[in-house]
Structures are given as C-alpha cells and as structure tokens.
Amino acid sequence: MNADQIQIIDDLKSGVSLLIDRLEKEKKDQERLKISSQELQRKVHMLEARISELEQKYSNLKIAKALITESGDVHDAKIKVNRIVREIDKCIALLNR
C-alpha cells in the first residue's frame, strides 16, 4: 500500500471511531431522556389524581355551603352532608357488585 491509501484508511478509521463515540453518547442521552420522561409522566398522573381529589373536595364544600346558607344551622348542614355521603357510598357499593 502506498501512503495515500494508508492515509485514507486512517481517516476512515478515525471517522468510524468518531461516529461510534457519537452513537454511544446519543444512546446515553436517549436513555436519560426516557427516564426523565417516565418520571414526568408519573408526576403528571400524581398531580391529575390530586386535582381530581381537590375538585371533589371543592364540590363537597360548595354543597355544604349551600346547605348551611339554606338552613342557617351548621349542625343540621353537617347531618345533611353526612346523610348524602352515606347515600353516595351505598350507591357506589351497589355499583361495585
């Protein structure tokens, strides 16, 4: 082989080596991003559940406030809310059968 061919082969080797290094770096970046994405999805699901829970509590508070303003007696309103909750629990139990 002459010097030009050896130089071309060396250039190809260094180019391939550089491509392999870049490929490994991209694989690591992809894995890191995949893990980050999974973590963010987990957080999103957790926050969606929390939002749902808070919306339910807010709805309950609105109902309780409406009952309080209607009756004017907090104790009576609490009794009404408890009765409604028990009825809802019974309905859920029936649906789960």
PDB file of N, CA and C in Angstrom:
ATOM      1  N   MET A   1       0.830  -1.187   0.000  1.00  0.00           N
ATOM      2  CA  MET A   1       0.000   0.000   0.000  1.00  0.00           C
ATOM      3  C   MET A   1       0.870   1.244   0.000  1.00  0.00           C
ATOM      4  N   ASN A   2       0.335   2.243  -0.622  1.00  0.00           N
ATOM      5  CA  ASN A   2       1.103   3.479  -0.637  1.00  0.00           C
ATOM      6  C   ASN A   2       0.608   4.406   0.483  1.00  0.00           C
ATOM      7  N   ALA A   3       1.264   5.505   0.627  1.00  0.00           N
ATOM      8  CA  ALA A   3       0.991   6.436   1.730  1.00  0.00           C
ATOM      9  C   ALA A   3      -0.419   7.021   1.629  1.00  0.00           C
ATOM     10  N   ASP A   4      -0.903   7.284   0.395  1.00  0.00           N
ATOM     11  CA  ASP A   4      -2.246   7.853   0.225  1.00  0.00           C
ATOM     12  C   ASP A   4      -3.322   6.871   0.696  1.00  0.00           C
ATOM     13  N   GLN A   5      -3.154   5.615   0.371  1.00  0.00           N
ATOM     14  CA  GLN A   5      -4.136   4.608   0.780  1.00  0.00           C
ATOM     15  C   GLN A   5      -4.144   4.434   2.300  1.00  0.00           C
ATOM     16  N   ILE A   6      -2.960   4.461   2.886  1.00  0.00           N
ATOM     17  CA  ILE A   6      -2.856   4.334   4.337  1.00  0.00           C
ATOM     18  C   ILE A   6      -3.526   5.529   5.017  1.00  0.00           C
ATOM     19  N   GLN A   7      -3.314   6.713   4.440  1.00  0.00           N
ATOM     20  CA  GLN A   7      -3.936   7.927   4.992  1.00  0.00           C
ATOM     21  C   GLN A   7      -5.459   7.840   4.898  1.00  0.00           C
ATOM     22  N   ILE A   8      -5.972   7.345   3.776  1.00  0.00           N
ATOM     23  CA  ILE A   8      -7.422   7.203   3.588  1.00  0.00           C
ATOM     24  C   ILE A   8      -7.989   6.209   4.605  1.00  0.00           C
ATOM     25  N   ILE A   9      -7.304   5.098   4.801  1.00  0.00           N
ATOM     26  CA  ILE A   9      -7.756   4.090   5.764  1.00  0.00           C
ATOM     27  C   ILE A   9      -7.740   4.666   7.182  1.00  0.00           C
ATOM     28  N   ASP A  10      -6.683   5.394   7.514  1.00  0.00           N
ATOM     29  CA  ASP A  10      -6.606   6.015   8.842  1.00  0.00           C
ATOM     30  C   ASP A  10      -7.734   7.033   9.041  1.00  0.00           C
ATOM     31  N   ASP A  11      -8.007   7.811   7.995  1.00  0.00           N
ATOM     32  CA  ASP A  11      -9.100   8.784   8.074  1.00  0.00           C
ATOM     33  C   ASP A  11     -10.452   8.079   8.263  1.00  0.00           C
ATOM     34  N   LEU A  12     -10.650   6.973   7.549  1.00  0.00           N
ATOM     35  CA  LEU A  12     -11.889   6.200   7.694  1.00  0.00           C
ATOM     36  C   LEU A  12     -12.012   5.627   9.093  1.00  0.00           C
ATOM     37  N   LYS A  13     -10.902   5.093   9.609  1.00  0.00           N
ATOM     38  CA  LYS A  13     -10.927   4.537  10.964  1.00  0.00           C
ATOM     39  C   LYS A  13     -11.289   5.614  11.989  1.00  0.00           C
ATOM     40  N   SER A  14     -10.672   6.773  11.859  1.00  0.00           N
ATOM     41  CA  SER A  14     -10.953   7.848  12.817  1.00  0.00           C
ATOM     42  C   SER A  14     -12.397   8.338  12.659  1.00  0.00           C
ATOM     43  N   GLY A  15     -12.883   8.377  11.421  1.00  0.00           N
ATOM     44  CA  GLY A  15     -14.274   8.780  11.190  1.00  0.00           C
ATOM     45  C   GLY A  15     -15.251   7.784  11.796  1.00  0.00           C
ATOM     46  N   VAL A  16     -14.993   6.492  11.607  1.00  0.00           N
ATOM     47  CA  VAL A  16     -15.853   5.452  12.166  1.00  0.00           C
ATOM     48  C   VAL A  16     -15.801   5.502  13.690  1.00  0.00           C
ATOM     49  N   SER A  17     -14.609   5.681  14.232  1.00  0.00           N
ATOM     50  CA  SER A  17     -14.460   5.772  15.677  1.00  0.00           C
ATOM     51  C   SER A  17     -15.237   6.965  16.222  1.00  0.00           C
ATOM     52  N   LEU A  18     -15.169   8.075  15.538  1.00  0.00           N
ATOM     53  CA  LEU A  18     -15.916   9.269  15.950  1.00  0.00           C
ATOM     54  C   LEU A  18     -17.420   9.008  15.893  1.00  0.00           C
ATOM     55  N   LEU A  19     -17.886   8.345  14.842  1.00  0.00           N
ATOM     56  CA  LEU A  19     -19.306   8.014  14.718  1.00  0.00           C
ATOM     57  C   LEU A  19     -19.762   7.071  15.829  1.00  0.00           C
ATOM     58  N   ILE A  20     -18.933   6.107  16.171  1.00  0.00           N
ATOM     59  CA  ILE A  20     -19.268   5.178  17.251  1.00  0.00           C
ATOM     60  C   ILE A  20     -19.372   5.928  18.580  1.00  0.00           C
ATOM     61  N   ASP A  21     -18.431   6.840  18.821  1.00  0.00           N
ATOM     62  CA  ASP A  21     -18.483   7.647  20.047  1.00  0.00           C
ATOM     63  C   ASP A  21     -19.750   8.486  20.101  1.00  0.00           C
ATOM     64  N   ARG A  22     -20.097   9.093  18.992  1.00  0.00           N
ATOM     65  CA  ARG A  22     -21.318   9.904  18.938  1.00  0.00           C
ATOM     66  C   ARG A  22     -22.560   9.037  19.152  1.00  0.00           C
ATOM     67  N   LEU A  23     -22.561   7.843  18.582  1.00  0.00           N
ATOM     68  CA  LEU A  23     -23.686   6.924  18.747  1.00  0.00           C
ATOM     69  C   LEU A  23     -23.858   6.554  20.214  1.00  0.00           C
ATOM     70  N   GLU A  24     -22.764   6.251  20.883  1.00  0.00           N
ATOM     71  CA  GLU A  24     -22.832   5.902  22.304  1.00  0.00           C
ATOM     72  C   GLU A  24     -23.352   7.074  23.128  1.00  0.00           C
ATOM     73  N   LYS A  25     -22.878   8.278  22.794  1.00  0.00           N
ATOM     74  CA  LYS A  25     -23.344   9.476  23.504  1.00  0.00           C
ATOM     75  C   LYS A  25     -24.836   9.669  23.285  1.00  0.00           C
ATOM     76  N   GLU A  26     -25.302   9.499  22.076  1.00  0.00           N
ATOM     77  CA  GLU A  26     -26.726   9.659  21.766  1.00  0.00           C
ATOM     78  C   GLU A  26     -27.571   8.597  22.475  1.00  0.00           C
ATOM     79  N   LYS A  27     -27.050   7.373  22.563  1.00  0.00           N
ATOM     80  CA  LYS A  27     -27.773   6.322  23.285  1.00  0.00           C
ATOM     81  C   LYS A  27     -27.927   6.686  24.763  1.00  0.00           C
ATOM     82  N   LYS A  28     -26.851   7.208  25.358  1.00  0.00           N
ATOM     83  CA  LYS A  28     -26.907   7.616  26.760  1.00  0.00           C
ATOM     84  C   LYS A  28     -27.896   8.768  26.942  1.00  0.00           C
ATOM     85  N   ASP A  29     -27.849   9.741  26.023  1.00  0.00           N
ATOM     86  CA  ASP A  29     -28.787  10.865  26.098  1.00  0.00           C
ATOM     87  C   ASP A  29     -30.230  10.379  25.947  1.00  0.00           C
ATOM     88  N   GLN A  30     -30.446   9.459  25.039  1.00  0.00           N
ATOM     89  CA  GLN A  30     -31.786   8.925  24.820  1.00  0.00           C
ATOM     90  C   GLN A  30     -32.288   8.199  26.073  1.00  0.00           C
ATOM     91  N   GLU A  31     -31.448   7.420  26.704  1.00  0.00           N
ATOM     92  CA  GLU A  31     -31.845   6.707  27.926  1.00  0.00           C
ATOM     93  C   GLU A  31     -32.160   7.693  29.045  1.00  0.00           C
ATOM     94  N   ARG A  32     -31.323   8.723  29.166  1.00  0.00           N
ATOM     95  CA  ARG A  32     -31.550   9.748  30.192  1.00  0.00           C
ATOM     96  C   ARG A  32     -32.884  10.447  29.951  1.00  0.00           C
ATOM     97  N   LEU A  33     -33.162  10.793  28.697  1.00  0.00           N
ATOM     98  CA  LEU A  33     -34.417  11.455  28.366  1.00  0.00           C
ATOM     99  C   LEU A  33     -35.619  10.538  28.579  1.00  0.00           C
ATOM    100  N   LYS A  34     -35.443   9.263  28.305  1.00  0.00           N
ATOM    101  CA  LYS A  34     -36.518   8.295  28.516  1.00  0.00           C
ATOM    102  C   LYS A  34     -36.866   8.208  29.997  1.00  0.00           C
ATOM    103  N   ILE A  35     -35.848   8.141  30.844  1.00  0.00           N
ATOM    104  CA  ILE A  35     -36.068   8.083  32.287  1.00  0.00           C
ATOM    105  C   ILE A  35     -36.736   9.371  32.764  1.00  0.00           C
ATOM    106  N   SER A  36     -36.268  10.489  32.259  1.00  0.00           N
ATOM    107  CA  SER A  36     -36.855  11.779  32.628  1.00  0.00           C
ATOM    108  C   SER A  36     -38.315  11.848  32.199  1.00  0.00           C
ATOM    109  N   SER A  37     -38.598  11.367  31.012  1.00  0.00           N
ATOM    110  CA  SER A  37     -39.977  11.357  30.509  1.00  0.00           C
ATOM    111  C   SER A  37     -40.873  10.499  31.390  1.00  0.00           C
ATOM    112  N   GLN A  38     -40.401   9.337  31.781  1.00  0.00           N
ATOM    113  CA  GLN A  38     -41.186   8.453  32.648  1.00  0.00           C
ATOM    114  C   GLN A  38     -41.452   9.114  33.992  1.00  0.00           C
ATOM    115  N   GLU A  39     -40.446   9.777  34.536  1.00  0.00           N
ATOM    116  CA  GLU A  39     -40.610  10.467  35.815  1.00  0.00           C
ATOM    117  C   GLU A  39     -41.638  11.592  35.686  1.00  0.00           C
ATOM    118  N   LEU A  40     -41.567  12.336  34.605  1.00  0.00           N
ATOM    119  CA  LEU A  40     -42.525  13.424  34.396  1.00  0.00           C
ATOM    120  C   LEU A  40     -43.939  12.886  34.201  1.00  0.00           C
ATOM    121  N   GLN A  41     -44.076  11.774  33.503  1.00  0.00           N
ATOM    122  CA  GLN A  41     -45.398  11.169  33.337  1.00  0.00           C
ATOM    123  C   GLN A  41     -45.958  10.707  34.671  1.00  0.00           C
ATOM    124  N   ARG A  42     -45.098  10.157  35.511  1.00  0.00           N
ATOM    125  CA  ARG A  42     -45.530   9.734  36.843  1.00  0.00           C
ATOM    126  C   ARG A  42     -46.021  10.938  37.643  1.00  0.00           C
ATOM    127  N   LYS A  43     -45.275  12.039  37.562  1.00  0.00           N
ATOM    128  CA  LYS A  43     -45.676  13.252  38.276  1.00  0.00           C
ATOM    129  C   LYS A  43     -46.993  13.793  37.736  1.00  0.00           C
ATOM    130  N   VAL A  44     -47.167  13.758  36.424  1.00  0.00           N
ATOM    131  CA  VAL A  44     -48.409  14.235  35.819  1.00  0.00           C
ATOM    132  C   VAL A  44     -49.594  13.417  36.328  1.00  0.00           C
ATOM    133  N   HIS A  45     -49.447  12.095  36.360  1.00  0.00           N
ATOM    134  CA  HIS A  45     -50.530  11.241  36.853  1.00  0.00           C
ATOM    135  C   HIS A  45     -50.831  11.537  38.324  1.00  0.00           C
ATOM    136  N   MET A  46     -49.781  11.740  39.105  1.00  0.00           N
ATOM    137  CA  MET A  46     -49.958  12.040  40.513  1.00  0.00           C
ATOM    138  C   MET A  46     -50.694  13.374  40.687  1.00  0.00           C
ATOM    139  N   LEU A  47     -50.295  14.368  39.908  1.00  0.00           N
ATOM    140  CA  LEU A  47     -50.932  15.677  40.010  1.00  0.00           C
ATOM    141  C   LEU A  47     -52.371  15.648  39.492  1.00  0.00           C
ATOM    142  N   GLU A  48     -52.630  14.851  38.458  1.00  0.00           N
ATOM    143  CA  GLU A  48     -54.003  14.719  37.973  1.00  0.00           C
ATOM    144  C   GLU A  48     -54.888  14.096  39.046  1.00  0.00           C
ATOM    145  N   ALA A  49     -54.365  13.098  39.744  1.00  0.00           N
ATOM    146  CA  ALA A  49     -55.125  12.479  40.832  1.00  0.00           C
ATOM    147  C   ALA A  49     -55.380  13.492  41.943  1.00  0.00           C
ATOM    148  N   ARG A  50     -54.375  14.285  42.245  1.00  0.00           N
ATOM    149  CA  ARG A  50     -54.525  15.316  43.288  1.00  0.00           C
ATOM    150  C   ARG A  50     -55.552  16.355  42.868  1.00  0.00           C
ATOM    151  N   ILE A  51     -55.527  16.753  41.610  1.00  0.00           N
ATOM    152  CA  ILE A  51     -56.502  17.717  41.103  1.00  0.00           C
ATOM    153  C   ILE A  51     -57.910  17.149  41.221  1.00  0.00           C
ATOM    154  N   SER A  52     -58.065  15.903  40.841  1.00  0.00           N
ATOM    155  CA  SER A  52     -59.372  15.260  40.941  1.00  0.00           C
ATOM    156  C   SER A  52     -59.855  15.238  42.386  1.00  0.00           C
ATOM    157  N   GLU A  53     -58.954  14.903  43.292  1.00  0.00           N
ATOM    158  CA  GLU A  53     -59.299  14.865  44.715  1.00  0.00           C
ATOM    159  C   GLU A  53     -59.720  16.243  45.214  1.00  0.00           C
ATOM    160  N   LEU A  54     -58.959  17.263  44.830  1.00  0.00           N
ATOM    161  CA  LEU A  54     -59.273  18.627  45.265  1.00  0.00           C
ATOM    162  C   LEU A  54     -60.580  19.122  44.653  1.00  0.00           C
ATOM    163  N   GLU A  55     -60.847  18.747  43.403  1.00  0.00           N
ATOM    164  CA  GLU A  55     -62.106  19.141  42.783  1.00  0.00           C
ATOM    165  C   GLU A  55     -63.284  18.519  43.526  1.00  0.00           C
ATOM    166  N   GLN A  56     -63.131  17.265  43.949  1.00  0.00           N
ATOM    167  CA  GLN A  56     -64.184  16.597  44.707  1.00  0.00           C
ATOM    168  C   GLN A  56     -64.398  17.298  46.045  1.00  0.00           C
ATOM    169  N   LYS A  57     -63.308  17.643  46.713  1.00  0.00           N
ATOM    170  CA  LYS A  57     -63.429  18.348  47.990  1.00  0.00           C
ATOM    171  C   LYS A  57     -64.096  19.708  47.798  1.00  0.00           C
ATOM    172  N   TYR A  58     -63.732  20.392  46.724  1.00  0.00           N
ATOM    173  CA  TYR A  58     -64.321  21.696  46.442  1.00  0.00           C
ATOM    174  C   TYR A  58     -65.816  21.557  46.192  1.00  0.00           C
ATOM    175  N   SER A  59     -66.174  20.536  45.440  1.00  0.00           N
ATOM    176  CA  SER A  59     -67.587  20.284  45.177  1.00  0.00           C
ATOM    177  C   SER A  59     -68.336  20.016  46.477  1.00  0.00           C
ATOM    178  N   ASN A  60     -67.719  19.220  47.347  1.00  0.00           N
ATOM    179  CA  ASN A  60     -68.345  18.945  48.647  1.00  0.00           C
ATOM    180  C   ASN A  60     -68.499  20.214  49.474  1.00  0.00           C
ATOM    181  N   LEU A  61     -67.510  21.069  49.429  1.00  0.00           N
ATOM    182  CA  LEU A  61     -67.585  22.331  50.170  1.00  0.00           C
ATOM    183  C   LEU A  61     -68.693  23.226  49.625  1.00  0.00           C
ATOM    184  N   LYS A  62     -68.839  23.257  48.306  1.00  0.00           N
ATOM    185  CA  LYS A  62     -69.912  24.065  47.719  1.00  0.00           C
ATOM    186  C   LYS A  62     -71.271  23.551  48.171  1.00  0.00           C
ATOM    187  N   ILE A  63     -71.423  22.222  48.190  1.00  0.00           N
ATOM    188  CA  ILE A  63     -72.694  21.637  48.635  1.00  0.00           C
ATOM    189  C   ILE A  63     -72.932  21.962  50.101  1.00  0.00           C
ATOM    190  N   ALA A  64     -71.888  21.803  50.899  1.00  0.00           N
ATOM    191  CA  ALA A  64     -72.018  22.080  52.330  1.00  0.00           C
ATOM    192  C   ALA A  64     -72.377  23.540  52.566  1.00  0.00           C
ATOM    193  N   LYS A  65     -71.748  24.425  51.827  1.00  0.00           N
ATOM    194  CA  LYS A  65     -72.033  25.853  51.994  1.00  0.00           C
ATOM    195  C   LYS A  65     -73.465  26.164  51.581  1.00  0.00           C
ATOM    196  N   ALA A  66     -73.911  25.531  50.512  1.00  0.00           N
ATOM    197  CA  ALA A  66     -75.291  25.748  50.075  1.00  0.00           C
ATOM    198  C   ALA A  66     -76.261  25.265  51.143  1.00  0.00           C
ATOM    199  N   LEU A  67     -75.953  24.137  51.744  1.00  0.00           N
ATOM    200  CA  LEU A  67     -76.827  23.618  52.799  1.00  0.00           C
ATOM    201  C   LEU A  67     -76.807  24.515  54.030  1.00  0.00           C
ATOM    202  N   ILE A  68     -75.652  25.049  54.349  1.00  0.00           N
ATOM    203  CA  ILE A  68     -75.540  25.923  55.522  1.00  0.00           C
ATOM    204  C   ILE A  68     -76.333  27.196  55.302  1.00  0.00           C
ATOM    205  N   THR A  69     -76.207  27.776  54.126  1.00  0.00           N
ATOM    206  CA  THR A  69     -76.924  29.030  53.872  1.00  0.00           C
ATOM    207  C   THR A  69     -78.427  28.804  53.807  1.00  0.00           C
ATOM    208  N   GLU A  70     -78.851  27.603  53.409  1.00  0.00           N
ATOM    209  CA  GLU A  70     -80.276  27.319  53.372  1.00  0.00           C
ATOM    210  C   GLU A  70     -80.836  27.166  54.779  1.00  0.00           C
ATOM    211  N   SER A  71     -80.140  26.392  55.583  1.00  0.00           N
ATOM    212  CA  SER A  71     -80.693  26.085  56.897  1.00  0.00           C
ATOM    213  C   SER A  71     -80.259  27.075  57.965  1.00  0.00           C
ATOM    214  N   GLY A  72     -79.085  27.643  57.803  1.00  0.00           N
ATOM    215  CA  GLY A  72     -78.588  28.591  58.785  1.00  0.00           C
ATOM    216  C   GLY A  72     -77.968  27.912  60.000  1.00  0.00           C
ATOM    217  N   ASP A  73     -78.149  26.610  60.133  1.00  0.00           N
ATOM    218  CA  ASP A  73     -77.597  25.873  61.284  1.00  0.00           C
ATOM    219  C   ASP A  73     -76.505  24.937  60.793  1.00  0.00           C
ATOM    220  N   VAL A  74     -75.317  25.115  61.293  1.00  0.00           N
ATOM    221  CA  VAL A  74     -74.166  24.336  60.852  1.00  0.00           C
ATOM    222  C   VAL A  74     -74.350  22.858  61.198  1.00  0.00           C
ATOM    223  N   HIS A  75     -74.871  22.584  62.351  1.00  0.00           N
ATOM    224  CA  HIS A  75     -75.060  21.192  62.776  1.00  0.00           C
ATOM    225  C   HIS A  75     -76.019  20.456  61.846  1.00  0.00           C
ATOM    226  N   ASP A  76     -77.105  21.104  61.508  1.00  0.00           N
ATOM    227  CA  ASP A  76     -78.066  20.481  60.582  1.00  0.00           C
ATOM    228  C   ASP A  76     -77.429  20.249  59.219  1.00  0.00           C
ATOM    229  N   ALA A  77     -76.616  21.198  58.791  1.00  0.00           N
ATOM    230  CA  ALA A  77     -75.956  21.068  57.489  1.00  0.00           C
ATOM    231  C   ALA A  77     -74.997  19.884  57.494  1.00  0.00           C
ATOM    232  N   LYS A  78     -74.251  19.718  58.585  1.00  0.00           N
ATOM    233  CA  LYS A  78     -73.323  18.589  58.671  1.00  0.00           C
ATOM    234  C   LYS A  78     -74.076  17.265  58.634  1.00  0.00           C
ATOM    235  N   ILE A  79     -75.195  17.209  59.311  1.00  0.00           N
ATOM    236  CA  ILE A  79     -76.003  15.988  59.306  1.00  0.00           C
ATOM    237  C   ILE A  79     -76.491  15.687  57.892  1.00  0.00           C
ATOM    238  N   LYS A  80     -76.941  16.724  57.177  1.00  0.00           N
ATOM    239  CA  LYS A  80     -77.411  16.527  55.804  1.00  0.00           C
ATOM    240  C   LYS A  80     -76.278  16.043  54.896  1.00  0.00           C
ATOM    241  N   VAL A  81     -75.115  16.645  55.051  1.00  0.00           N
ATOM    242  CA  VAL A  81     -73.967  16.247  54.232  1.00  0.00           C
ATOM    243  C   VAL A  81     -73.589  14.805  54.538  1.00  0.00           C
ATOM    244  N   ASN A  82     -73.564  14.439  55.791  1.00  0.00           N
ATOM    245  CA  ASN A  82     -73.231  13.053  56.161  1.00  0.00           C
ATOM    246  C   ASN A  82     -74.245  12.077  55.580  1.00  0.00           C
ATOM    247  N   ARG A  83     -75.506  12.446  55.598  1.00  0.00           N
ATOM    248  CA  ARG A  83     -76.533  11.589  55.032  1.00  0.00           C
ATOM    249  C   ARG A  83     -76.315  11.418  53.527  1.00  0.00           C
ATOM    250  N   ILE A  84     -76.012  12.511  52.859  1.00  0.00           N
ATOM    251  CA  ILE A  84     -75.763  12.453  51.413  1.00  0.00           C
ATOM    252  C   ILE A  84     -74.550  11.574  51.116  1.00  0.00           C
ATOM    253  N   VAL A  85     -73.502  11.716  51.908  1.00  0.00           N
ATOM    254  CA  VAL A  85     -72.291  10.905  51.704  1.00  0.00           C
ATOM    255  C   VAL A  85     -72.602   9.431  51.904  1.00  0.00           C
ATOM    256  N   ARG A  86     -73.387   9.103  52.930  1.00  0.00           N
ATOM    257  CA  ARG A  86     -73.764   7.703  53.143  1.00  0.00           C
ATOM    258  C   ARG A  86     -74.564   7.154  51.964  1.00  0.00           C
ATOM    259  N   GLU A  87     -75.463   7.965  51.425  1.00  0.00           N
ATOM    260  CA  GLU A  87     -76.241   7.532  50.266  1.00  0.00           C
ATOM    261  C   GLU A  87     -75.343   7.298  49.053  1.00  0.00           C
ATOM    262  N   ILE A  88     -74.388   8.167  48.879  1.00  0.00           N
ATOM    263  CA  ILE A  88     -73.444   8.008  47.768  1.00  0.00           C
ATOM    264  C   ILE A  88     -72.613   6.739  47.968  1.00  0.00           C
ATOM    265  N   ASP A  89     -72.166   6.493  49.187  1.00  0.00           N
ATOM    266  CA  ASP A  89     -71.404   5.275  49.477  1.00  0.00           C
ATOM    267  C   ASP A  89     -72.227   4.027  49.176  1.00  0.00           C
ATOM    268  N   LYS A  90     -73.528   4.057  49.529  1.00  0.00           N
ATOM    269  CA  LYS A  90     -74.399   2.922  49.223  1.00  0.00           C
ATOM    270  C   LYS A  90     -74.499   2.709  47.714  1.00  0.00           C
ATOM    271  N   CYS A  91     -74.622   3.797  46.973  1.00  0.00           N
ATOM    272  CA  CYS A  91     -74.707   3.699  45.510  1.00  0.00           C
ATOM    273  C   CYS A  91     -73.423   3.108  44.930  1.00  0.00           C
ATOM    274  N   ILE A  92     -72.313   3.546  45.449  1.00  0.00           N
ATOM    275  CA  ILE A  92     -71.027   3.015  44.965  1.00  0.00           C
ATOM    276  C   ILE A  92     -70.920   1.541  45.282  1.00  0.00           C
ATOM    277  N   ALA A  93     -71.343   1.149  46.483  1.00  0.00           N
ATOM    278  CA  ALA A  93     -71.300  -0.279  46.855  1.00  0.00           C
ATOM    279  C   ALA A  93     -72.180  -1.104  45.911  1.00  0.00           C
ATOM    280  N   LEU A  94     -73.346  -0.571  45.570  1.00  0.00           N
ATOM    281  CA  LEU A  94     -74.225  -1.279  44.637  1.00  0.00           C
ATOM    282  C   LEU A  94     -73.595  -1.395  43.246  1.00  0.00           C
ATOM    283  N   LEU A  95     -72.926  -0.355  42.829  1.00  0.00           N
ATOM    284  CA  LEU A  95     -72.284  -0.394  41.512  1.00  0.00           C
ATOM    285  C   LEU A  95     -71.122  -1.380  41.477  1.00  0.00           C
ATOM    286  N   ASN A  96     -70.459  -1.572  42.594  1.00  0.00           N
ATOM    287  CA  ASN A  96     -69.309  -2.465  42.655  1.00  0.00           C
ATOM    288  C   ASN A  96     -69.716  -3.935  42.683  1.00  0.00           C
ATOM    289  N   ARG A  97     -70.988  -4.231  42.913  1.00  0.00           N
ATOM    290  CA  ARG A  97     -71.440  -5.629  42.946  1.00  0.00           C
ATOM    291  C   ARG A  97     -71.440  -6.245  41.594  1.00  0.00           C
TER     292      ARG A  97
END
